Amino acid sequence: MMRDGSPVPLYYKIYKDLRNKIVGGYFEGGRLPTEKELCEEYDVSRMTVRKAMEQLNMEGLIERKKGKGTFVKKIGSEEQLSRLTGFTEEVGKKKVKSRVLANRLVRIPVEAKEAFGLPENTLVVLLKRVRYIEEVPVAIEEAYLNPDIDVRILNVLELDMSERSLYEFLRKELGMSLDHAEEIIEVMSLSTSQARLLDQPAGSCALLRRRYTYTPDGRCVEYVLSIYRGDQFKFKVLRR
């Protein structure tokens, strides 16, 4: 079927074809054909099919269920980095909740001191939460808030932030305008404690995201350190 003399490896062509079908929702019920069925469909060996499936598995697009077959894996949430949004807004209509690990005053972290423009021993608000989407833990988020911007930021200490949006609190309740953010994203491995919070094996791949959020007058109101599960979240960058 796909033997056209092209220098591109045959398994890669099969992988691309299956990937396009997965993304397009082609497989009803999410179940892929068996290896034998794929061998017959593409007229290739089982080894070739397995290499294509291994590539799909490495991308986190499929999962094998013992005794049941191979299924399309639920694709994680996607965030567009060109928009300034909070976690709740990022995931849209999906069910979101949080487990609050800390909501207290702490000394300003070293990496936020210069951006906040505050002395070293100044106290700032730390809101640390495990974020869930559809009951699945997908991120650990540490938000440091600068009360020097608006003293009412301290009101967050009295709130139950397990189901509330921090950005909604800042924008709607405090009337604060958030103008832009600077972000740094890098790959990391989960420590034992981080993996436990995210229900992952220690050493699993994750995304580390640092965000500095600014008001229109250029003052930094928030520094956020977020750790995202690599199999549940992805980012999209739009360029115009």
Protein backbone atom coordinates (compact mmCIF):
# COMPACT_ATOMS: atom_id res chain seq x y z
CA MET A 1 0.00 0.00 0.00
CA MET A 2 2.73 2.47 0.93
CA ARG A 3 5.66 1.06 -1.05
CA ASP A 4 6.40 3.99 -3.36
CA GLY A 5 10.20 3.86 -3.47
CA SER A 6 10.57 6.92 -1.23
CA PRO A 7 13.73 7.12 0.92
CA VAL A 8 11.54 7.82 3.97
CA PRO A 9 11.44 4.67 6.18
CA LEU A 10 8.26 2.66 5.78
CA TYR A 11 7.56 2.55 9.50
CA TYR A 12 7.69 6.36 9.60
CA LYS A 13 5.08 6.65 6.85
CA ILE A 14 2.80 4.32 8.79
CA TYR A 15 3.44 6.28 11.96
CA LYS A 16 2.51 9.56 10.21
CA ASP A 17 -0.64 8.04 8.72
CA LEU A 18 -1.76 6.63 12.07
CA ARG A 19 -0.90 9.88 13.84
CA ASN A 20 -3.05 11.88 11.42
CA LYS A 21 -5.91 9.46 11.99
CA ILE A 22 -5.52 9.70 15.78
CA VAL A 23 -5.51 13.50 15.76
CA GLY A 24 -8.48 13.50 13.37
CA GLY A 25 -10.54 11.22 15.63
CA TYR A 26 -10.63 8.46 13.02
CA PHE A 27 -10.62 5.51 15.42
CA GLU A 28 -14.12 4.98 16.81
CA GLY A 29 -14.08 4.32 20.55
CA GLY A 30 -10.38 5.15 20.63
CA ARG A 31 -9.30 1.56 19.90
CA LEU A 32 -6.64 0.96 17.27
CA PRO A 33 -6.57 -2.12 15.00
CA THR A 34 -4.48 -5.07 16.15
CA GLU A 35 -0.91 -5.51 14.94
CA LYS A 36 -2.09 -8.26 12.60
CA GLU A 37 -4.78 -6.01 11.14
CA LEU A 38 -2.30 -3.19 10.62
CA CYS A 39 0.15 -5.56 8.95
CA GLU A 40 -2.56 -6.57 6.49
CA GLU A 41 -3.75 -3.00 5.93
CA TYR A 42 -0.28 -1.61 5.18
CA ASP A 43 1.15 -4.83 3.70
CA VAL A 44 4.21 -4.75 5.96
CA SER A 45 5.89 -6.95 8.56
CA ARG A 46 4.95 -6.98 12.22
CA MET A 47 8.34 -5.47 13.09
CA THR A 48 7.58 -2.44 10.89
CA VAL A 49 4.20 -1.94 12.54
CA ARG A 50 5.76 -2.23 15.99
CA LYS A 51 8.31 0.49 15.20
CA ALA A 52 5.50 2.81 14.10
CA MET A 53 3.55 2.03 17.27
CA GLU A 54 6.62 2.62 19.42
CA GLN A 55 6.92 6.10 17.92
CA LEU A 56 3.28 6.84 18.73
CA ASN A 57 3.79 5.53 22.24
CA MET A 58 6.88 7.74 22.75
CA GLU A 59 4.76 10.78 21.85
CA GLY A 60 2.18 9.77 24.43
CA LEU A 61 -0.54 9.31 21.81
CA ILE A 62 -1.40 5.70 22.54
CA GLU A 63 -1.47 3.29 25.46
CA ARG A 64 -1.60 -0.48 25.62
CA LYS A 65 -4.14 -2.09 27.92
CA LYS A 66 -3.31 -5.67 28.77
CA GLY A 67 -5.87 -8.07 27.37
CA LYS A 68 -7.84 -5.26 25.71
CA GLY A 69 -5.66 -3.80 22.97
CA THR A 70 -4.12 -0.46 22.06
CA PHE A 71 -6.07 2.75 22.58
CA VAL A 72 -5.73 6.43 21.79
CA LYS A 73 -4.51 8.17 24.90
CA LYS A 74 -6.46 11.11 26.20
CA ILE A 75 -4.57 14.15 24.95
CA GLY A 76 -3.67 16.61 27.69
CA SER A 77 -4.66 20.24 27.94
CA GLU A 78 -3.16 22.77 25.60
CA GLU A 79 -2.31 26.33 26.41
CA GLN A 80 -1.61 29.14 23.99
CA LEU A 81 1.38 31.09 25.27
CA SER A 82 0.41 34.22 23.36
CA ARG A 83 -2.40 34.95 25.85
CA LEU A 84 -2.05 36.07 29.46
CA THR A 85 -4.32 33.71 31.39
CA GLY A 86 -4.46 31.82 34.64
CA PHE A 87 -4.68 28.05 35.01
CA THR A 88 -8.50 28.00 35.25
CA GLU A 89 -8.85 30.01 32.05
CA GLU A 90 -6.20 27.95 30.28
CA VAL A 91 -8.09 24.67 30.52
CA GLY A 92 -11.44 26.14 29.43
CA LYS A 93 -14.57 24.15 30.17
CA LYS A 94 -12.87 21.18 31.82
CA LYS A 95 -13.52 20.52 35.49
CA VAL A 96 -10.76 22.16 37.50
CA LYS A 97 -9.97 21.99 41.20
CA SER A 98 -6.98 22.52 43.46
CA ARG A 99 -5.48 21.12 46.62
CA VAL A 100 -3.99 23.96 48.65
CA LEU A 101 -0.62 23.04 50.13
CA ALA A 102 0.24 26.51 51.45
CA ASN A 103 -1.42 29.91 51.69
CA ARG A 104 0.75 32.03 53.93
CA LEU A 105 3.34 34.77 54.21
CA VAL A 106 6.94 33.80 53.43
CA ARG A 107 10.21 35.57 52.78
CA ILE A 108 10.56 36.69 49.21
CA PRO A 109 12.39 34.06 47.10
CA VAL A 110 15.74 35.11 45.68
CA GLU A 111 14.58 34.81 42.07
CA ALA A 112 11.69 37.26 42.67
CA LYS A 113 13.52 39.86 44.77
CA GLU A 114 14.83 41.93 41.87
CA ALA A 115 11.60 41.71 39.85
CA PHE A 116 9.45 42.71 42.84
CA GLY A 117 11.88 45.48 43.78
CA LEU A 118 11.64 44.58 47.47
CA PRO A 119 14.26 44.15 50.23
CA GLU A 120 15.57 40.65 50.89
CA ASN A 121 13.60 39.89 54.06
CA THR A 122 10.26 41.27 52.87
CA LEU A 123 7.26 38.99 53.39
CA VAL A 124 5.14 38.09 50.36
CA VAL A 125 2.16 35.79 49.86
CA LEU A 126 2.83 32.19 48.85
CA LEU A 127 -0.08 30.27 47.37
CA LYS A 128 1.02 26.72 46.58
CA ARG A 129 -1.45 24.31 45.03
CA VAL A 130 -1.69 21.00 43.20
CA ARG A 131 -3.89 21.65 40.17
CA TYR A 132 -6.31 19.00 38.90
CA ILE A 133 -8.14 18.60 35.58
CA GLU A 134 -11.02 16.10 35.60
CA GLU A 135 -9.71 14.69 38.92
CA VAL A 136 -6.20 14.09 37.49
CA PRO A 137 -3.28 15.96 39.13
CA VAL A 138 -1.50 17.80 36.31
CA ALA A 139 0.56 20.58 37.91
CA ILE A 140 2.20 21.88 41.07
CA GLU A 141 1.98 25.66 41.21
CA GLU A 142 3.76 28.06 43.57
CA ALA A 143 2.50 31.63 43.19
CA TYR A 144 4.33 34.42 45.01
CA LEU A 145 2.30 37.66 45.18
CA ASN A 146 3.66 41.14 45.77
CA PRO A 147 1.49 42.95 48.38
CA ASP A 148 3.47 46.13 47.78
CA ILE A 149 1.46 46.55 44.55
CA ASP A 150 -1.86 46.50 46.43
CA VAL A 151 -2.17 45.69 50.14
CA ARG A 152 -5.52 44.00 49.43
CA ILE A 153 -3.54 41.11 47.92
CA LEU A 154 -3.20 39.97 51.54
CA ASN A 155 -6.93 39.15 51.46
CA VAL A 156 -6.07 35.97 49.57
CA LEU A 157 -4.76 34.58 52.87
CA GLU A 158 -8.34 34.48 54.17
CA LEU A 159 -9.83 32.79 51.11
CA ASP A 160 -10.42 29.14 50.25
CA MET A 161 -8.40 28.88 47.04
CA SER A 162 -9.17 25.21 46.38
CA GLU A 163 -11.76 26.10 43.73
CA ARG A 164 -11.08 29.77 43.03
CA SER A 165 -9.09 31.39 40.25
CA LEU A 166 -6.25 33.60 41.43
CA TYR A 167 -6.41 35.74 38.29
CA GLU A 168 -10.15 36.19 38.76
CA PHE A 169 -9.46 37.39 42.31
CA LEU A 170 -6.85 39.89 41.10
CA ARG A 171 -8.84 41.17 38.16
CA LYS A 172 -12.44 41.14 39.40
CA GLU A 173 -12.16 41.61 43.15
CA LEU A 174 -9.16 43.92 43.22
CA GLY A 175 -9.76 45.54 39.84
CA MET A 176 -6.14 44.92 38.92
CA SER A 177 -5.00 45.06 35.31
CA LEU A 178 -2.47 42.42 34.24
CA ASP A 179 -0.62 43.67 31.20
CA HIS A 180 2.05 41.15 30.19
CA ALA A 181 4.27 38.35 31.44
CA GLU A 182 7.77 37.01 30.91
CA GLU A 183 8.09 33.23 30.88
CA ILE A 184 10.87 30.67 30.93
CA ILE A 185 10.10 27.00 30.17
CA GLU A 186 12.52 24.11 30.55
CA VAL A 187 12.48 20.33 30.84
CA MET A 188 13.05 18.69 34.22
CA SER A 189 12.72 15.38 36.06
CA LEU A 190 10.31 14.98 38.96
CA SER A 191 11.75 14.50 42.44
CA THR A 192 10.26 11.87 44.70
CA SER A 193 8.04 14.39 46.51
CA GLN A 194 6.93 16.09 43.29
CA ALA A 195 6.17 12.74 41.65
CA ARG A 196 4.07 11.73 44.63
CA LEU A 197 1.93 14.88 44.31
CA LEU A 198 1.44 14.32 40.58
CA ASP A 199 0.87 10.56 40.81
CA GLN A 200 3.90 9.83 38.64
CA PRO A 201 7.05 7.71 38.97
CA ALA A 202 10.05 9.59 40.36
CA GLY A 203 12.28 10.80 37.55
CA SER A 204 9.41 11.26 35.09
CA CYS A 205 9.78 14.03 32.54
CA ALA A 206 8.01 17.31 33.36
CA LEU A 207 7.92 20.95 32.27
CA LEU A 208 9.18 23.66 34.59
CA ARG A 209 7.61 27.05 33.91
CA ARG A 210 8.61 30.36 35.53
CA ARG A 211 6.32 33.33 35.00
CA TYR A 212 6.73 36.99 35.99
CA THR A 213 3.47 38.92 35.57
CA TYR A 214 3.40 42.71 35.28
CA THR A 215 0.89 45.54 35.61
CA PRO A 216 0.61 48.22 32.88
CA ASP A 217 3.05 50.47 34.77
CA GLY A 218 5.72 47.76 34.65
CA ARG A 219 5.54 46.52 38.25
CA CYS A 220 5.83 42.79 38.90
CA VAL A 221 2.82 41.56 40.87
CA GLU A 222 3.37 37.81 40.62
CA TYR A 223 6.12 35.25 40.29
CA VAL A 224 4.86 31.72 39.59
CA LEU A 225 6.87 28.51 39.57
CA SER A 226 4.85 25.71 37.94
CA ILE A 227 5.67 22.06 37.29
CA TYR A 228 3.52 20.32 34.67
CA ARG A 229 3.21 16.61 34.00
CA GLY A 230 4.75 15.91 30.61
CA ASP A 231 1.98 13.47 29.63
CA GLN A 232 -0.94 15.76 30.51
CA PHE A 233 -0.04 19.24 29.31
CA LYS A 234 1.34 20.89 26.21
CA PHE A 235 1.96 24.45 25.09
CA LYS A 236 1.26 26.13 21.77
CA VAL A 237 3.04 29.28 20.60
CA LEU A 238 1.22 31.49 18.10
CA ARG A 239 3.33 33.86 16.02
CA ARG A 240 1.91 36.58 13.81
